[in-house]
Amino acid sequence: INFFRFEIRELPEFDIKTVMVIIASGVIFSVVGYIFSVLLNKLKTDHYLNSLGSEKKIFAVSIILALTLYFAHEGRYSSHGTNLIMNSLYSGEIYWYDWIFKLLASVMSLGVGYQGGEVTPLFSIGASLGFLMGSLFKISIPFLAVLGYCTVFGVASNLLITALVLGVEVFGYSISGYLAVIMLLAHFIRKRLFKI
């Protein structure tokens, strides 16, 4: 078994700008994690799709998914998403819409009955969104990719403490303070705004 580890070399100063970026990013990451879980639940319980029967439902959505995934960068969004994670952390090529396409592809695949993991796709959605946020806010891209990686997963799965521990394990102890802040914010958003 190969374990993935990535140590962030550049942590931003813990100043007012960083706190504001963490708050803004935390809200966005939390909303995206929530959208993932709501869409997945809606698709799994959709009355019309379920009335088709599992074979017809899987066949119809598979045709749409196969064509879409092929023409959207020739399968860039069809794997677990480790390609997007690596590109996000190592400053590879990430498009502003990568997180959206990966979210939709994952929700459609899992929602119609394909079995597989939700975890790595959630990591890739968060990391590629974090890459975008780092570019927009002019702050360390790997830093926000890591926060997105953990926060989107934590909110979508409702495992915020697990996401915090996982983040420290995978990305090192130096990120723990930042992760604690964003996980507290995500917890507040889940409980107060989404009422879940």
Protein backbone atom coordinates (compact mmCIF):
# COMPACT_ATOMS: atom_id res chain seq x y z
CA ILE A 1 0.00 0.00 0.00
CA ASN A 2 1.33 3.40 -0.97
CA PHE A 3 0.32 6.22 1.32
CA PHE A 4 -0.01 9.71 -0.10
CA ARG A 5 1.77 12.48 1.79
CA PHE A 6 2.35 16.09 0.83
CA GLU A 7 4.13 18.58 3.06
CA ILE A 8 3.24 22.21 2.44
CA ARG A 9 6.42 24.24 2.27
CA GLU A 10 4.80 27.67 2.04
CA LEU A 11 2.28 28.55 4.70
CA PRO A 12 0.92 32.08 4.62
CA GLU A 13 1.32 34.32 7.64
CA PHE A 14 -1.60 34.08 10.01
CA ASP A 15 -2.72 37.68 9.47
CA ILE A 16 -6.04 39.38 8.74
CA LYS A 17 -5.79 38.71 4.98
CA THR A 18 -5.22 35.00 5.58
CA VAL A 19 -8.12 34.82 8.05
CA MET A 20 -10.43 36.57 5.56
CA VAL A 21 -9.33 34.20 2.77
CA ILE A 22 -9.89 31.18 5.03
CA ILE A 23 -13.37 32.44 5.93
CA ALA A 24 -14.35 33.14 2.30
CA SER A 25 -12.87 29.86 1.08
CA GLY A 26 -14.42 27.95 3.98
CA VAL A 27 -17.86 29.22 3.06
CA ILE A 28 -17.36 28.30 -0.61
CA PHE A 29 -15.89 24.85 0.20
CA SER A 30 -18.78 24.19 2.60
CA VAL A 31 -21.40 25.16 0.03
CA VAL A 32 -19.79 22.91 -2.59
CA GLY A 33 -19.63 19.96 -0.16
CA TYR A 34 -23.27 20.53 0.71
CA ILE A 35 -24.26 20.74 -2.98
CA PHE A 36 -22.49 17.43 -3.63
CA SER A 37 -24.37 15.65 -0.85
CA VAL A 38 -27.75 17.15 -1.79
CA LEU A 39 -27.38 16.38 -5.51
CA LEU A 40 -26.26 12.83 -4.78
CA ASN A 41 -29.22 12.26 -2.47
CA LYS A 42 -31.68 13.78 -4.96
CA LEU A 43 -30.37 11.66 -7.82
CA LYS A 44 -30.48 8.46 -5.76
CA THR A 45 -34.08 9.15 -4.72
CA ASP A 46 -35.41 10.69 -7.96
CA HIS A 47 -38.85 9.20 -8.59
CA TYR A 48 -38.66 9.32 -12.40
CA LEU A 49 -35.23 7.74 -12.63
CA ASN A 50 -36.16 5.05 -10.13
CA SER A 51 -39.35 4.27 -12.08
CA LEU A 52 -37.20 3.34 -15.09
CA GLY A 53 -35.66 0.42 -13.25
CA SER A 54 -31.99 0.08 -12.46
CA GLU A 55 -30.88 -1.34 -15.83
CA LYS A 56 -32.56 1.35 -17.94
CA LYS A 57 -31.47 4.08 -15.55
CA ILE A 58 -27.83 2.98 -15.62
CA PHE A 59 -27.89 2.50 -19.41
CA ALA A 60 -29.39 5.94 -20.14
CA VAL A 61 -27.11 7.84 -17.80
CA SER A 62 -24.07 5.80 -18.92
CA ILE A 63 -24.55 6.88 -22.54
CA ILE A 64 -24.77 10.53 -21.50
CA LEU A 65 -21.82 10.19 -19.13
CA ALA A 66 -19.61 8.32 -21.62
CA LEU A 67 -20.11 10.92 -24.34
CA THR A 68 -19.73 13.84 -21.96
CA LEU A 69 -16.63 12.45 -20.28
CA TYR A 70 -14.98 11.62 -23.59
CA PHE A 71 -15.56 15.04 -25.10
CA ALA A 72 -14.69 16.90 -21.88
CA HIS A 73 -10.90 16.75 -22.19
CA GLU A 74 -10.90 13.09 -23.30
CA GLY A 75 -11.72 11.50 -19.96
CA ARG A 76 -10.10 13.99 -17.59
CA TYR A 77 -13.03 13.58 -15.16
CA SER A 78 -13.64 9.84 -15.54
CA SER A 79 -11.14 8.52 -12.99
CA HIS A 80 -11.17 8.91 -9.22
CA GLY A 81 -9.61 12.34 -9.64
CA THR A 82 -6.05 11.74 -8.51
CA ASN A 83 -4.94 13.57 -11.66
CA LEU A 84 -6.75 16.70 -10.45
CA ILE A 85 -5.33 16.34 -6.93
CA MET A 86 -1.76 16.07 -8.20
CA ASN A 87 -2.20 18.97 -10.62
CA SER A 88 -3.66 21.09 -7.83
CA LEU A 89 -0.88 20.39 -5.36
CA TYR A 90 2.03 20.47 -7.80
CA SER A 91 0.89 23.47 -9.88
CA GLY A 92 -0.15 21.43 -12.89
CA GLU A 93 -2.87 22.37 -15.32
CA ILE A 94 -6.19 23.06 -13.63
CA TYR A 95 -9.11 24.71 -15.40
CA TRP A 96 -11.54 26.92 -13.50
CA TYR A 97 -14.37 24.46 -14.22
CA ASP A 98 -12.55 21.22 -13.27
CA TRP A 99 -14.25 21.03 -9.89
CA ILE A 100 -17.70 21.51 -11.47
CA PHE A 101 -17.22 18.78 -14.09
CA LYS A 102 -15.77 16.39 -11.51
CA LEU A 103 -18.65 17.08 -9.13
CA LEU A 104 -21.27 16.44 -11.82
CA ALA A 105 -19.53 13.33 -13.18
CA SER A 106 -19.17 11.86 -9.69
CA VAL A 107 -22.75 12.64 -8.65
CA MET A 108 -24.16 11.19 -11.87
CA SER A 109 -22.06 8.01 -11.62
CA LEU A 110 -22.79 7.36 -7.96
CA GLY A 111 -26.38 8.60 -8.12
CA VAL A 112 -27.55 6.11 -10.73
CA GLY A 113 -26.09 3.12 -8.97
CA TYR A 114 -22.47 2.71 -9.89
CA GLN A 115 -20.52 1.58 -6.87
CA GLY A 116 -17.24 3.14 -6.00
CA GLY A 117 -15.71 5.64 -3.74
CA GLU A 118 -16.98 9.08 -2.99
CA VAL A 119 -13.88 9.96 -1.00
CA THR A 120 -11.24 10.51 -3.70
CA PRO A 121 -13.64 12.40 -5.97
CA LEU A 122 -14.48 14.68 -3.04
CA PHE A 123 -10.76 15.23 -2.44
CA SER A 124 -10.25 16.12 -6.11
CA ILE A 125 -13.25 18.47 -6.20
CA GLY A 126 -11.95 20.29 -3.13
CA ALA A 127 -8.33 20.41 -4.29
CA SER A 128 -9.17 21.76 -7.75
CA LEU A 129 -11.55 24.32 -6.24
CA GLY A 130 -8.80 25.27 -3.78
CA PHE A 131 -6.43 25.76 -6.71
CA LEU A 132 -8.93 28.18 -8.23
CA MET A 133 -9.40 29.99 -4.91
CA GLY A 134 -5.63 30.31 -4.44
CA SER A 135 -5.34 31.85 -7.90
CA LEU A 136 -8.20 34.28 -7.24
CA PHE A 137 -7.12 35.33 -3.75
CA LYS A 138 -3.40 35.48 -4.62
CA ILE A 139 -2.42 33.19 -1.78
CA SER A 140 -0.46 29.92 -1.78
CA ILE A 141 -2.24 27.59 -4.21
CA PRO A 142 -1.14 24.33 -2.51
CA PHE A 143 -2.29 25.78 0.84
CA LEU A 144 -5.84 26.42 -0.38
CA ALA A 145 -5.86 23.17 -2.38
CA VAL A 146 -5.17 21.32 0.89
CA LEU A 147 -7.89 23.23 2.74
CA GLY A 148 -10.34 22.51 -0.09
CA TYR A 149 -9.31 18.84 -0.20
CA CYS A 150 -10.19 18.41 3.47
CA THR A 151 -13.17 20.76 3.80
CA VAL A 152 -15.24 19.60 0.82
CA PHE A 153 -14.75 16.00 1.95
CA GLY A 154 -15.58 16.86 5.57
CA VAL A 155 -18.78 18.73 4.75
CA ALA A 156 -20.09 16.33 2.08
CA SER A 157 -19.50 13.28 4.27
CA ASN A 158 -20.33 15.03 7.58
CA LEU A 159 -16.99 13.82 8.94
CA LEU A 160 -15.33 17.08 9.92
CA ILE A 161 -13.14 15.67 12.70
CA THR A 162 -12.05 12.85 10.42
CA ALA A 163 -11.20 15.42 7.75
CA LEU A 164 -9.12 17.37 10.26
CA VAL A 165 -7.19 14.28 11.41
CA LEU A 166 -6.76 13.11 7.82
CA GLY A 167 -5.46 16.54 6.81
CA VAL A 168 -2.83 16.52 9.56
CA GLU A 169 -1.84 12.94 8.70
CA VAL A 170 -1.52 13.56 4.96
CA PHE A 171 -0.31 17.16 4.90
CA GLY A 172 1.65 17.49 8.13
CA TYR A 173 1.22 19.03 11.54
CA SER A 174 2.09 22.54 10.32
CA ILE A 175 -1.34 22.84 8.62
CA SER A 176 -3.29 21.80 11.74
CA GLY A 177 -4.13 25.29 13.02
CA TYR A 178 -5.49 26.39 9.66
CA LEU A 179 -7.45 23.16 9.29
CA ALA A 180 -8.93 23.57 12.77
CA VAL A 181 -10.15 27.07 11.91
CA ILE A 182 -11.73 26.05 8.61
CA MET A 183 -13.31 22.91 10.11
CA LEU A 184 -14.89 24.96 12.91
CA LEU A 185 -16.27 27.32 10.29
CA ALA A 186 -17.54 24.38 8.20
CA HIS A 187 -19.20 22.89 11.28
CA PHE A 188 -20.95 26.20 11.98
CA ILE A 189 -22.12 26.46 8.36
CA ARG A 190 -23.44 22.88 8.32
CA LYS A 191 -25.32 23.24 11.59
CA ARG A 192 -26.58 26.81 11.37
CA LEU A 193 -27.09 27.54 7.71
CA PHE A 194 -27.85 24.12 6.22
CA LYS A 195 -29.58 22.82 9.37
CA ILE A 196 -27.93 19.42 9.06
